């Protein structure tokens, strides 16, 4: 029996400009050369990483970097700490720097705050590549927290400057700011969230209400993907998270369903198109 499903992809979903920039740089080099090293996953999407490694991208970590000499290394959109650039200089590495301009601006602001002797607190995910790069601007002195509950466990100074990882929720950031002020802290808050990301909250909220079922496509490592999936789920409970076409389940659908497909800023459009093609076979 054919389900006769009407399937549409959210045209606003897919790579943000920072990810597009990094992948374009990698592909341009791989079109000319046999391989290219990349420090960490170029994007938090296993399917896209697999596609690029098959073209010659070689993913390395920071320990590998220390043992690499006279090679080209791509710095992904998340940015890097100053120590990475020092290693590159010492090892005569050529860095292909695809750091997102929004991240670079944030790094510079944090470095300036640190140079001005401000106490810095960052709302971000522990261990996330971008956050590690941000902490690096402060010689690791900035405090990092993931949610408001964690704040109670930190020994916060009375006065500090608050920053945010670029892909965090604006609503949560301002709620945290208000919470801290209500507790009597002297907080200088810097809204450093990428508007290309935050604007997707409203876009997705409008998109998902028009469909019976929503398939949200994202890598499991994507911090942004988790946030945007929660937005979708809030406005349409019939929302399913998948990372690959193989994770689709026909039992999720009913005949004549209207199905919407959307994704994170790290989700390639080609993957969402594959998902659409598979669903249309039902």
Protein backbone atom coordinates (compact mmCIF):
# COMPACT_ATOMS: atom_id res chain seq x y z
CA UNK A 1 0.00 0.00 0.00
CA UNK A 2 1.26 3.45 -0.93
CA UNK A 3 1.05 6.09 1.79
CA UNK A 4 0.83 8.96 -0.70
CA UNK A 5 2.92 11.27 1.52
CA UNK A 6 3.42 14.95 0.70
CA UNK A 7 7.04 15.74 1.61
CA UNK A 8 8.75 19.15 1.76
CA UNK A 9 12.19 20.30 2.91
CA UNK A 10 12.59 23.51 4.90
CA UNK A 11 14.60 25.70 2.51
CA UNK A 12 16.03 27.72 5.42
CA UNK A 13 17.60 24.60 6.98
CA UNK A 14 21.05 23.32 6.19
CA UNK A 15 24.56 24.69 6.51
CA UNK A 16 25.16 28.14 7.97
CA UNK A 17 27.59 30.37 6.05
CA UNK A 18 30.48 29.45 8.39
CA UNK A 19 30.17 25.75 7.58
CA UNK A 20 29.70 26.45 3.86
CA UNK A 21 32.91 28.51 3.91
CA UNK A 22 34.92 25.74 5.59
CA UNK A 23 33.64 22.96 3.33
CA UNK A 24 34.16 25.04 0.18
CA UNK A 25 37.76 25.67 1.22
CA UNK A 26 38.34 21.98 1.86
CA UNK A 27 36.81 20.90 -1.45
CA UNK A 28 38.77 23.51 -3.42
CA UNK A 29 42.03 22.09 -2.06
CA UNK A 30 40.96 18.46 -2.46
CA UNK A 31 40.11 19.14 -6.10
CA UNK A 32 43.80 19.98 -6.60
CA UNK A 33 45.57 17.79 -4.05
CA UNK A 34 45.39 14.18 -2.90
CA UNK A 35 44.65 14.91 0.76
CA UNK A 36 44.15 17.63 3.36
CA UNK A 37 44.40 17.43 7.13
CA UNK A 38 41.56 18.87 9.19
CA UNK A 39 41.85 19.57 12.92
CA UNK A 40 38.73 17.88 14.31
CA UNK A 41 35.55 16.97 12.42
CA UNK A 42 35.00 19.67 9.81
CA UNK A 43 31.32 19.69 10.78
CA UNK A 44 29.33 17.84 13.45
CA UNK A 45 27.66 15.56 10.93
CA UNK A 46 29.03 12.04 10.41
CA UNK A 47 27.50 11.65 6.95
CA UNK A 48 29.17 14.82 5.62
CA UNK A 49 32.48 13.94 7.29
CA UNK A 50 32.33 10.50 5.62
CA UNK A 51 31.70 12.12 2.22
CA UNK A 52 34.71 14.41 2.59
CA UNK A 53 37.08 11.78 4.01
CA UNK A 54 36.33 9.71 0.92
CA UNK A 55 37.59 12.69 -1.11
CA UNK A 56 40.84 12.79 0.90
CA UNK A 57 40.10 14.79 4.05
CA UNK A 58 42.12 13.42 6.96
CA UNK A 59 40.70 14.17 10.40
CA UNK A 60 43.30 14.65 13.15
CA UNK A 61 43.22 15.71 16.79
CA UNK A 62 45.47 18.07 18.74
CA UNK A 63 47.88 15.27 19.71
CA UNK A 64 48.28 14.38 16.03
CA UNK A 65 48.94 18.05 15.26
CA UNK A 66 51.95 18.12 17.58
CA UNK A 67 53.59 15.36 15.51
CA UNK A 68 52.77 16.85 12.10
CA UNK A 69 55.35 18.88 10.20
CA UNK A 70 55.34 20.88 6.96
CA UNK A 71 51.77 19.95 6.01
CA UNK A 72 48.56 21.85 5.27
CA UNK A 73 45.94 21.81 8.03
CA UNK A 74 42.41 23.16 7.86
CA UNK A 75 41.05 25.05 10.86
CA UNK A 76 37.29 24.46 10.88
CA UNK A 77 34.56 27.04 11.51
CA UNK A 78 34.60 26.50 15.30
CA UNK A 79 37.92 28.34 15.59
CA UNK A 80 41.00 27.48 17.63
CA UNK A 81 42.90 28.62 20.71
CA UNK A 82 46.17 30.60 20.36
CA UNK A 83 48.17 27.49 21.32
CA UNK A 84 47.18 25.82 18.04
CA UNK A 85 48.68 28.65 16.01
CA UNK A 86 51.88 28.44 18.06
CA UNK A 87 52.23 24.73 17.32
CA UNK A 88 51.66 25.41 13.62
CA UNK A 89 54.44 28.01 13.67
CA UNK A 90 56.86 25.69 15.42
CA UNK A 91 56.07 22.73 13.13
CA UNK A 92 56.08 24.84 9.94
CA UNK A 93 52.48 23.94 9.18
CA UNK A 94 50.41 25.87 6.63
CA UNK A 95 47.07 26.65 8.24
CA UNK A 96 44.00 26.95 6.02
CA UNK A 97 41.97 29.05 8.44
CA UNK A 98 38.23 28.62 7.91
CA UNK A 99 37.25 29.98 11.33
CA UNK A 100 33.78 31.51 11.19
CA UNK A 101 33.94 35.34 11.20
CA UNK A 102 31.30 35.41 13.96
CA UNK A 103 33.47 33.12 16.12
CA UNK A 104 36.60 35.16 15.39
CA UNK A 105 34.82 38.35 16.45
CA UNK A 106 33.77 36.67 19.69
CA UNK A 107 37.31 35.41 20.32
CA UNK A 108 38.66 38.94 19.89
CA UNK A 109 36.05 40.38 22.29
CA UNK A 110 36.88 37.79 24.94
CA UNK A 111 40.61 38.36 24.52
CA UNK A 112 40.09 42.12 24.92
CA UNK A 113 38.00 41.55 28.06
CA UNK A 114 40.71 39.28 29.46
CA UNK A 115 43.41 41.84 28.66
CA UNK A 116 41.30 44.41 30.55
CA UNK A 117 41.41 42.08 33.59
CA UNK A 118 37.67 41.35 33.48
CA UNK A 119 36.41 38.13 35.06
CA UNK A 120 34.87 36.10 32.22
CA UNK A 121 32.04 33.57 32.38
CA UNK A 122 30.92 31.68 29.25
CA UNK A 123 27.53 30.05 28.65
CA UNK A 124 28.52 27.08 26.52
CA UNK A 125 28.91 23.33 26.21
CA UNK A 126 31.84 21.80 28.08
CA UNK A 127 34.40 20.34 25.69
CA UNK A 128 32.84 21.89 22.58
CA UNK A 129 35.46 22.93 20.02
CA UNK A 130 34.26 26.54 19.92
CA UNK A 131 34.24 26.81 23.72
CA UNK A 132 37.76 25.39 23.98
CA UNK A 133 38.88 28.07 21.52
CA UNK A 134 37.14 30.77 23.55
CA UNK A 135 38.69 29.60 26.82
CA UNK A 136 42.05 29.64 25.07
CA UNK A 137 41.77 33.41 24.64
CA UNK A 138 41.88 33.66 28.46
CA UNK A 139 44.67 31.12 29.08
CA UNK A 140 41.96 28.79 30.35
CA UNK A 141 40.89 31.19 33.11
CA UNK A 142 37.28 31.75 31.93
CA UNK A 143 34.56 29.84 33.77
CA UNK A 144 32.20 27.76 31.59
CA UNK A 145 28.71 26.52 32.45
CA UNK A 146 26.06 24.65 30.43
CA UNK A 147 22.84 25.50 32.25
CA UNK A 148 21.47 27.64 35.04
CA UNK A 149 21.58 24.80 37.58
CA UNK A 150 25.32 24.48 37.13
CA UNK A 151 25.77 28.12 38.16
CA UNK A 152 24.96 27.18 41.76
CA UNK A 153 28.05 24.96 41.81
CA UNK A 154 30.44 27.64 40.54
CA UNK A 155 32.40 30.01 42.74
CA UNK A 156 31.35 33.10 40.81
CA UNK A 157 32.99 36.46 41.42
CA UNK A 158 30.69 39.31 42.45
CA UNK A 159 31.37 41.15 39.18
CA UNK A 160 32.00 39.53 35.81
CA UNK A 161 31.44 39.69 32.06
CA UNK A 162 29.07 37.12 30.56
CA UNK A 163 29.56 35.74 27.04
CA UNK A 164 27.87 32.93 25.12
CA UNK A 165 28.84 30.24 22.65
CA UNK A 166 27.52 31.47 19.29
CA UNK A 167 24.98 28.67 18.81
CA UNK A 168 23.21 28.89 22.18
CA UNK A 169 19.58 29.91 22.68
CA UNK A 170 19.05 33.68 22.99
CA UNK A 171 16.06 33.12 25.27
CA UNK A 172 18.13 31.01 27.65
CA UNK A 173 20.99 33.51 27.56
CA UNK A 174 18.79 36.41 28.63
CA UNK A 175 17.00 34.24 31.21
CA UNK A 176 20.40 33.39 32.71
CA UNK A 177 21.40 37.06 32.70
CA UNK A 178 18.20 38.02 34.56
CA UNK A 179 18.68 35.14 37.00
CA UNK A 180 22.21 36.26 37.85
CA UNK A 181 21.17 39.88 38.32
CA UNK A 182 18.31 38.76 40.58
CA UNK A 183 20.91 36.96 42.69
CA UNK A 184 22.78 40.23 43.19
CA UNK A 185 25.66 39.72 40.76
CA UNK A 186 27.08 42.68 38.83
CA UNK A 187 26.86 41.25 35.28
CA UNK A 188 27.96 42.83 32.02
CA UNK A 189 26.21 40.63 29.45
CA UNK A 190 27.43 40.37 25.86
CA UNK A 191 24.93 38.74 23.50
CA UNK A 192 27.33 36.98 21.13
CA UNK A 193 24.88 34.49 19.64
CA UNK A 194 24.93 34.15 15.86
CA UNK A 195 21.76 35.64 14.42
CA UNK A 196 21.81 33.28 11.45
CA UNK A 197 21.36 30.51 14.01
CA UNK A 198 18.96 32.28 16.39
CA UNK A 199 16.70 33.41 13.54
CA UNK A 200 16.09 29.76 12.74
CA UNK A 201 14.17 29.34 15.99
CA UNK A 202 11.30 31.47 14.69
CA UNK A 203 11.62 30.07 11.16
CA UNK A 204 11.38 26.47 12.38
CA UNK A 205 8.51 27.27 14.76
CA UNK A 206 6.52 28.51 11.77
CA UNK A 207 7.60 25.66 9.48
CA UNK A 208 6.78 22.67 11.69
CA UNK A 209 3.17 23.61 12.49
CA UNK A 210 2.17 23.10 8.85
CA UNK A 211 2.95 19.34 8.89
CA UNK A 212 1.58 16.17 10.43
CA UNK A 213 5.05 14.72 10.95
CA UNK A 214 8.48 16.35 11.17
CA UNK A 215 11.76 14.60 10.41
CA UNK A 216 14.65 16.53 11.95
CA UNK A 217 18.00 15.57 10.44
CA UNK A 218 21.17 16.25 12.42
CA UNK A 219 24.41 14.72 13.60
CA UNK A 220 24.25 13.46 17.18
CA UNK A 221 27.32 15.55 18.08
CA UNK A 222 25.71 18.79 16.99
CA UNK A 223 25.02 21.15 19.90
CA UNK A 224 23.00 23.36 17.56
CA UNK A 225 21.03 20.33 16.38
CA UNK A 226 19.87 19.50 19.91
CA UNK A 227 18.69 23.08 20.45
CA UNK A 228 16.82 23.29 17.14
CA UNK A 229 15.23 19.86 17.60
CA UNK A 230 13.84 21.05 20.94
CA UNK A 231 12.35 24.06 19.14
CA UNK A 232 10.65 21.75 16.62
CA UNK A 233 9.39 19.40 19.31
CA UNK A 234 7.94 22.32 21.28
CA UNK A 235 5.75 23.34 18.34
CA UNK A 236 5.02 19.88 16.89
CA UNK A 237 5.13 16.80 19.11
CA UNK A 238 5.18 14.50 16.07
CA UNK A 239 8.87 15.24 15.52
CA UNK A 240 11.55 12.58 14.96
CA UNK A 241 15.34 13.02 15.21
CA UNK A 242 17.51 11.06 12.75
CA UNK A 243 21.14 11.23 11.67
CA UNK A 244 20.95 9.02 8.58
CA UNK A 245 18.40 7.70 6.10
CA UNK A 246 18.74 4.22 7.62
CA UNK A 247 17.17 5.51 10.87
CA UNK A 248 13.81 6.26 9.23
CA UNK A 249 10.89 4.11 10.37
CA UNK A 250 7.86 3.66 8.13
CA UNK A 251 5.66 3.10 11.19
CA UNK A 252 6.00 6.79 12.05
CA UNK A 253 3.78 7.72 9.12
CA UNK A 254 0.12 7.40 8.21
CA UNK A 255 -1.49 7.57 4.74
CA UNK A 256 -1.73 11.10 3.30
CA UNK A 257 0.52 12.61 5.97
CA UNK A 258 2.11 15.95 5.25
CA UNK A 259 5.79 15.51 6.15
CA UNK A 260 8.26 18.32 6.79
CA UNK A 261 12.03 17.80 6.76
CA UNK A 262 14.39 20.22 8.48
CA UNK A 263 17.81 20.20 10.10
CA UNK A 264 20.66 21.87 11.96
CA UNK A 265 23.21 24.39 10.71
CA UNK A 266 25.56 21.40 10.35
CA UNK A 267 23.15 19.32 8.24
CA UNK A 268 23.92 19.10 4.50
CA UNK A 269 21.06 19.72 2.10
CA UNK A 270 22.00 16.61 0.10
CA UNK A 271 21.28 14.47 3.18
CA UNK A 272 17.83 16.02 3.68
CA UNK A 273 17.13 15.39 0.00
CA UNK A 274 18.07 11.72 0.45
CA UNK A 275 15.66 11.52 3.38
CA UNK A 276 12.91 13.04 1.24
CA UNK A 277 13.52 10.55 -1.57
CA UNK A 278 13.34 7.62 0.86
CA UNK A 279 10.09 8.80 2.47
CA UNK A 280 8.49 9.27 -0.94
CA UNK A 281 8.98 5.56 -1.59
CA UNK A 282 6.56 4.67 1.22
